[in-house]
Amino acid sequence: MDLNLTGTEVHELREALESLLPGFEKEIASTKDPERLKELQRRRDALRSIEEKLPVGLIETS
């Protein structure tokens, strides 16, 4: 699947992921339910994978 994003969109997506991931870490640390833990870890890993694929330093100016 290809997804074409502008530099601004890439920047905003990276910012959103960077703000979400710490919350996942906190929730993972406090979760006792094994099924919930697996789900949170799966989602965290998927979001990290997306973040790692984003180019760094792109932003457009108007």
PDB file of N, CA and C in Angstrom:
ATOM      1  N   MET A   1       0.846  -1.174   0.000  1.00  0.00           N
ATOM      2  CA  MET A   1       0.000   0.000   0.000  1.00  0.00           C
ATOM      3  C   MET A   1       0.892   1.237   0.000  1.00  0.00           C
ATOM      4  N   ASP A   2       0.614   2.139  -0.895  1.00  0.00           N
ATOM      5  CA  ASP A   2       1.340   3.401  -0.943  1.00  0.00           C
ATOM      6  C   ASP A   2       0.458   4.504  -0.381  1.00  0.00           C
ATOM      7  N   LEU A   3       1.076   5.393   0.346  1.00  0.00           N
ATOM      8  CA  LEU A   3       0.380   6.533   0.916  1.00  0.00           C
ATOM      9  C   LEU A   3       1.247   7.757   0.665  1.00  0.00           C
ATOM     10  N   ASN A   4       0.728   8.688  -0.073  1.00  0.00           N
ATOM     11  CA  ASN A   4       1.479   9.902  -0.394  1.00  0.00           C
ATOM     12  C   ASN A   4       1.054  11.022   0.544  1.00  0.00           C
ATOM     13  N   LEU A   5       2.015  11.523   1.309  1.00  0.00           N
ATOM     14  CA  LEU A   5       1.747  12.598   2.256  1.00  0.00           C
ATOM     15  C   LEU A   5       2.629  13.793   1.928  1.00  0.00           C
ATOM     16  N   THR A   6       2.113  14.972   2.205  1.00  0.00           N
ATOM     17  CA  THR A   6       2.930  16.176   2.064  1.00  0.00           C
ATOM     18  C   THR A   6       3.917  16.229   3.229  1.00  0.00           C
ATOM     19  N   GLY A   7       4.898  17.094   3.117  1.00  0.00           N
ATOM     20  CA  GLY A   7       5.852  17.268   4.209  1.00  0.00           C
ATOM     21  C   GLY A   7       5.170  17.672   5.503  1.00  0.00           C
ATOM     22  N   THR A   8       4.187  18.544   5.396  1.00  0.00           N
ATOM     23  CA  THR A   8       3.442  18.979   6.572  1.00  0.00           C
ATOM     24  C   THR A   8       2.677  17.815   7.189  1.00  0.00           C
ATOM     25  N   GLU A   9       2.056  17.005   6.362  1.00  0.00           N
ATOM     26  CA  GLU A   9       1.312  15.848   6.871  1.00  0.00           C
ATOM     27  C   GLU A   9       2.238  14.856   7.570  1.00  0.00           C
ATOM     28  N   VAL A  10       3.403  14.628   6.989  1.00  0.00           N
ATOM     29  CA  VAL A  10       4.388  13.733   7.616  1.00  0.00           C
ATOM     30  C   VAL A  10       4.793  14.293   8.975  1.00  0.00           C
ATOM     31  N   HIS A  11       5.064  15.580   9.011  1.00  0.00           N
ATOM     32  CA  HIS A  11       5.465  16.229  10.263  1.00  0.00           C
ATOM     33  C   HIS A  11       4.379  16.075  11.328  1.00  0.00           C
ATOM     34  N   GLU A  12       3.140  16.350  10.950  1.00  0.00           N
ATOM     35  CA  GLU A  12       2.032  16.264  11.906  1.00  0.00           C
ATOM     36  C   GLU A  12       1.791  14.827  12.365  1.00  0.00           C
ATOM     37  N   LEU A  13       1.918  13.875  11.453  1.00  0.00           N
ATOM     38  CA  LEU A  13       1.754  12.468  11.822  1.00  0.00           C
ATOM     39  C   LEU A  13       2.839  12.051  12.807  1.00  0.00           C
ATOM     40  N   ARG A  14       4.072  12.458  12.546  1.00  0.00           N
ATOM     41  CA  ARG A  14       5.174  12.142  13.465  1.00  0.00           C
ATOM     42  C   ARG A  14       4.902  12.746  14.847  1.00  0.00           C
ATOM     43  N   GLU A  15       4.473  14.005  14.876  1.00  0.00           N
ATOM     44  CA  GLU A  15       4.160  14.665  16.149  1.00  0.00           C
ATOM     45  C   GLU A  15       3.057  13.910  16.900  1.00  0.00           C
ATOM     46  N   ALA A  16       2.028  13.493  16.182  1.00  0.00           N
ATOM     47  CA  ALA A  16       0.923  12.763  16.814  1.00  0.00           C
ATOM     48  C   ALA A  16       1.406  11.434  17.391  1.00  0.00           C
ATOM     49  N   LEU A  17       2.202  10.709  16.629  1.00  0.00           N
ATOM     50  CA  LEU A  17       2.725   9.427  17.109  1.00  0.00           C
ATOM     51  C   LEU A  17       3.622   9.624  18.326  1.00  0.00           C
ATOM     52  N   GLU A  18       4.467  10.639  18.286  1.00  0.00           N
ATOM     53  CA  GLU A  18       5.358  10.904  19.415  1.00  0.00           C
ATOM     54  C   GLU A  18       4.586  11.263  20.676  1.00  0.00           C
ATOM     55  N   SER A  19       3.420  11.862  20.528  1.00  0.00           N
ATOM     56  CA  SER A  19       2.623  12.193  21.714  1.00  0.00           C
ATOM     57  C   SER A  19       1.790  11.003  22.195  1.00  0.00           C
ATOM     58  N   LEU A  20       1.449  10.084  21.298  1.00  0.00           N
ATOM     59  CA  LEU A  20       0.650   8.910  21.675  1.00  0.00           C
ATOM     60  C   LEU A  20       1.462   7.791  22.320  1.00  0.00           C
ATOM     61  N   LEU A  21       2.646   7.547  21.817  1.00  0.00           N
ATOM     62  CA  LEU A  21       3.424   6.386  22.259  1.00  0.00           C
ATOM     63  C   LEU A  21       3.743   6.369  23.754  1.00  0.00           C
ATOM     64  N   PRO A  22       4.083   7.483  24.386  1.00  0.00           N
ATOM     65  CA  PRO A  22       4.330   7.423  25.832  1.00  0.00           C
ATOM     66  C   PRO A  22       3.101   6.963  26.630  1.00  0.00           C
ATOM     67  N   GLY A  23       1.915   7.322  26.171  1.00  0.00           N
ATOM     68  CA  GLY A  23       0.691   6.870  26.830  1.00  0.00           C
ATOM     69  C   GLY A  23       0.522   5.364  26.750  1.00  0.00           C
ATOM     70  N   PHE A  24       0.889   4.794  25.605  1.00  0.00           N
ATOM     71  CA  PHE A  24       0.840   3.339  25.463  1.00  0.00           C
ATOM     72  C   PHE A  24       1.799   2.681  26.448  1.00  0.00           C
ATOM     73  N   GLU A  25       2.994   3.244  26.582  1.00  0.00           N
ATOM     74  CA  GLU A  25       3.986   2.673  27.504  1.00  0.00           C
ATOM     75  C   GLU A  25       3.459   2.684  28.936  1.00  0.00           C
ATOM     76  N   LYS A  26       2.841   3.784  29.345  1.00  0.00           N
ATOM     77  CA  LYS A  26       2.285   3.875  30.700  1.00  0.00           C
ATOM     78  C   LYS A  26       1.164   2.868  30.899  1.00  0.00           C
ATOM     79  N   GLU A  27       0.286   2.765  29.909  1.00  0.00           N
ATOM     80  CA  GLU A  27      -0.829   1.831  30.032  1.00  0.00           C
ATOM     81  C   GLU A  27      -0.338   0.388  30.046  1.00  0.00           C
ATOM     82  N   ILE A  28       0.659   0.079  29.229  1.00  0.00           N
ATOM     83  CA  ILE A  28       1.239  -1.267  29.207  1.00  0.00           C
ATOM     84  C   ILE A  28       1.821  -1.604  30.579  1.00  0.00           C
ATOM     85  N   ALA A  29       2.520  -0.652  31.174  1.00  0.00           N
ATOM     86  CA  ALA A  29       3.152  -0.882  32.476  1.00  0.00           C
ATOM     87  C   ALA A  29       2.131  -1.148  33.578  1.00  0.00           C
ATOM     88  N   SER A  30       0.941  -0.577  33.449  1.00  0.00           N
ATOM     89  CA  SER A  30      -0.056  -0.729  34.512  1.00  0.00           C
ATOM     90  C   SER A  30      -1.117  -1.787  34.225  1.00  0.00           C
ATOM     91  N   THR A  31      -1.076  -2.412  33.063  1.00  0.00           N
ATOM     92  CA  THR A  31      -2.098  -3.390  32.685  1.00  0.00           C
ATOM     93  C   THR A  31      -1.774  -4.761  33.262  1.00  0.00           C
ATOM     94  N   LYS A  32      -2.772  -5.349  33.894  1.00  0.00           N
ATOM     95  CA  LYS A  32      -2.597  -6.674  34.477  1.00  0.00           C
ATOM     96  C   LYS A  32      -3.269  -7.771  33.644  1.00  0.00           C
ATOM     97  N   ASP A  33      -4.247  -7.388  32.849  1.00  0.00           N
ATOM     98  CA  ASP A  33      -4.968  -8.355  32.015  1.00  0.00           C
ATOM     99  C   ASP A  33      -4.091  -8.774  30.834  1.00  0.00           C
ATOM    100  N   PRO A  34      -3.757 -10.071  30.734  1.00  0.00           N
ATOM    101  CA  PRO A  34      -2.854 -10.538  29.677  1.00  0.00           C
ATOM    102  C   PRO A  34      -3.355 -10.253  28.257  1.00  0.00           C
ATOM    103  N   GLU A  35      -4.645 -10.382  28.031  1.00  0.00           N
ATOM    104  CA  GLU A  35      -5.194 -10.121  26.694  1.00  0.00           C
ATOM    105  C   GLU A  35      -5.098  -8.637  26.343  1.00  0.00           C
ATOM    106  N   ARG A  36      -5.424  -7.800  27.296  1.00  0.00           N
ATOM    107  CA  ARG A  36      -5.319  -6.345  27.083  1.00  0.00           C
ATOM    108  C   ARG A  36      -3.855  -5.958  26.852  1.00  0.00           C
ATOM    109  N   LEU A  37      -2.956  -6.571  27.601  1.00  0.00           N
ATOM    110  CA  LEU A  37      -1.532  -6.301  27.452  1.00  0.00           C
ATOM    111  C   LEU A  37      -1.054  -6.645  26.048  1.00  0.00           C
ATOM    112  N   LYS A  38      -1.460  -7.803  25.539  1.00  0.00           N
ATOM    113  CA  LYS A  38      -1.075  -8.208  24.177  1.00  0.00           C
ATOM    114  C   LYS A  38      -1.578  -7.211  23.142  1.00  0.00           C
ATOM    115  N   GLU A  39      -2.819  -6.789  23.313  1.00  0.00           N
ATOM    116  CA  GLU A  39      -3.419  -5.836  22.371  1.00  0.00           C
ATOM    117  C   GLU A  39      -2.678  -4.497  22.393  1.00  0.00           C
ATOM    118  N   LEU A  40      -2.379  -4.002  23.579  1.00  0.00           N
ATOM    119  CA  LEU A  40      -1.652  -2.734  23.695  1.00  0.00           C
ATOM    120  C   LEU A  40      -0.258  -2.838  23.091  1.00  0.00           C
ATOM    121  N   GLN A  41       0.415  -3.946  23.334  1.00  0.00           N
ATOM    122  CA  GLN A  41       1.753  -4.140  22.778  1.00  0.00           C
ATOM    123  C   GLN A  41       1.706  -4.226  21.251  1.00  0.00           C
ATOM    124  N   ARG A  42       0.687  -4.894  20.725  1.00  0.00           N
ATOM    125  CA  ARG A  42       0.528  -4.996  19.274  1.00  0.00           C
ATOM    126  C   ARG A  42       0.318  -3.618  18.658  1.00  0.00           C
ATOM    127  N   ARG A  43      -0.557  -2.833  19.275  1.00  0.00           N
ATOM    128  CA  ARG A  43      -0.838  -1.491  18.763  1.00  0.00           C
ATOM    129  C   ARG A  43       0.389  -0.589  18.867  1.00  0.00           C
ATOM    130  N   ARG A  44       1.083  -0.655  20.007  1.00  0.00           N
ATOM    131  CA  ARG A  44       2.312   0.129  20.180  1.00  0.00           C
ATOM    132  C   ARG A  44       3.338  -0.224  19.110  1.00  0.00           C
ATOM    133  N   ASP A  45       3.517  -1.507  18.883  1.00  0.00           N
ATOM    134  CA  ASP A  45       4.501  -1.946  17.894  1.00  0.00           C
ATOM    135  C   ASP A  45       4.131  -1.490  16.485  1.00  0.00           C
ATOM    136  N   ALA A  46       2.844  -1.523  16.164  1.00  0.00           N
ATOM    137  CA  ALA A  46       2.395  -1.061  14.847  1.00  0.00           C
ATOM    138  C   ALA A  46       2.644   0.439  14.690  1.00  0.00           C
ATOM    139  N   LEU A  47       2.347   1.206  15.734  1.00  0.00           N
ATOM    140  CA  LEU A  47       2.574   2.653  15.673  1.00  0.00           C
ATOM    141  C   LEU A  47       4.059   2.987  15.590  1.00  0.00           C
ATOM    142  N   ARG A  48       4.880   2.255  16.318  1.00  0.00           N
ATOM    143  CA  ARG A  48       6.337   2.457  16.223  1.00  0.00           C
ATOM    144  C   ARG A  48       6.836   2.155  14.810  1.00  0.00           C
ATOM    145  N   SER A  49       6.294   1.107  14.221  1.00  0.00           N
ATOM    146  CA  SER A  49       6.688   0.732  12.863  1.00  0.00           C
ATOM    147  C   SER A  49       6.349   1.848  11.874  1.00  0.00           C
ATOM    148  N   ILE A  50       5.179   2.425  12.028  1.00  0.00           N
ATOM    149  CA  ILE A  50       4.779   3.548  11.175  1.00  0.00           C
ATOM    150  C   ILE A  50       5.734   4.716  11.384  1.00  0.00           C
ATOM    151  N   GLU A  51       6.009   5.033  12.638  1.00  0.00           N
ATOM    152  CA  GLU A  51       6.902   6.154  12.953  1.00  0.00           C
ATOM    153  C   GLU A  51       8.284   5.952  12.334  1.00  0.00           C
ATOM    154  N   GLU A  52       8.800   4.738  12.399  1.00  0.00           N
ATOM    155  CA  GLU A  52      10.127   4.442  11.858  1.00  0.00           C
ATOM    156  C   GLU A  52      10.184   4.583  10.339  1.00  0.00           C
ATOM    157  N   LYS A  53       9.054   4.427   9.677  1.00  0.00           N
ATOM    158  CA  LYS A  53       9.013   4.520   8.216  1.00  0.00           C
ATOM    159  C   LYS A  53       8.882   5.957   7.714  1.00  0.00           C
ATOM    160  N   LEU A  54       8.549   6.870   8.604  1.00  0.00           N
ATOM    161  CA  LEU A  54       8.367   8.265   8.196  1.00  0.00           C
ATOM    162  C   LEU A  54       9.712   8.941   7.976  1.00  0.00           C
ATOM    163  N   PRO A  55       9.828   9.697   6.888  1.00  0.00           N
ATOM    164  CA  PRO A  55      11.052  10.469   6.697  1.00  0.00           C
ATOM    165  C   PRO A  55      11.153  11.557   7.768  1.00  0.00           C
ATOM    166  N   VAL A  56      12.369  11.905   8.114  1.00  0.00           N
ATOM    167  CA  VAL A  56      12.616  12.897   9.163  1.00  0.00           C
ATOM    168  C   VAL A  56      12.872  14.260   8.531  1.00  0.00           C
ATOM    169  N   GLY A  57      12.360  15.303   9.173  1.00  0.00           N
ATOM    170  CA  GLY A  57      12.725  16.657   8.794  1.00  0.00           C
ATOM    171  C   GLY A  57      11.941  17.278   7.656  1.00  0.00           C
ATOM    172  N   LEU A  58      10.860  16.657   7.214  1.00  0.00           N
ATOM    173  CA  LEU A  58      10.080  17.251   6.126  1.00  0.00           C
ATOM    174  C   LEU A  58       9.027  18.189   6.687  1.00  0.00           C
ATOM    175  N   ILE A  59       8.963  19.361   6.158  1.00  0.00           N
ATOM    176  CA  ILE A  59       7.869  20.287   6.456  1.00  0.00           C
ATOM    177  C   ILE A  59       7.817  21.310   5.327  1.00  0.00           C
ATOM    178  N   GLU A  60       6.624  21.657   4.950  1.00  0.00           N
ATOM    179  CA  GLU A  60       6.436  22.626   3.871  1.00  0.00           C
ATOM    180  C   GLU A  60       6.183  23.994   4.467  1.00  0.00           C
ATOM    181  N   THR A  61       6.560  25.009   3.745  1.00  0.00           N
ATOM    182  CA  THR A  61       6.229  26.372   4.144  1.00  0.00           C
ATOM    183  C   THR A  61       5.352  26.979   3.066  1.00  0.00           C
ATOM    184  N   SER A  62       4.449  27.832   3.485  1.00  0.00           N
ATOM    185  CA  SER A  62       3.523  28.459   2.531  1.00  0.00           C
ATOM    186  C   SER A  62       4.109  29.711   1.948  1.00  0.00           C
TER     187      SER A  62
END
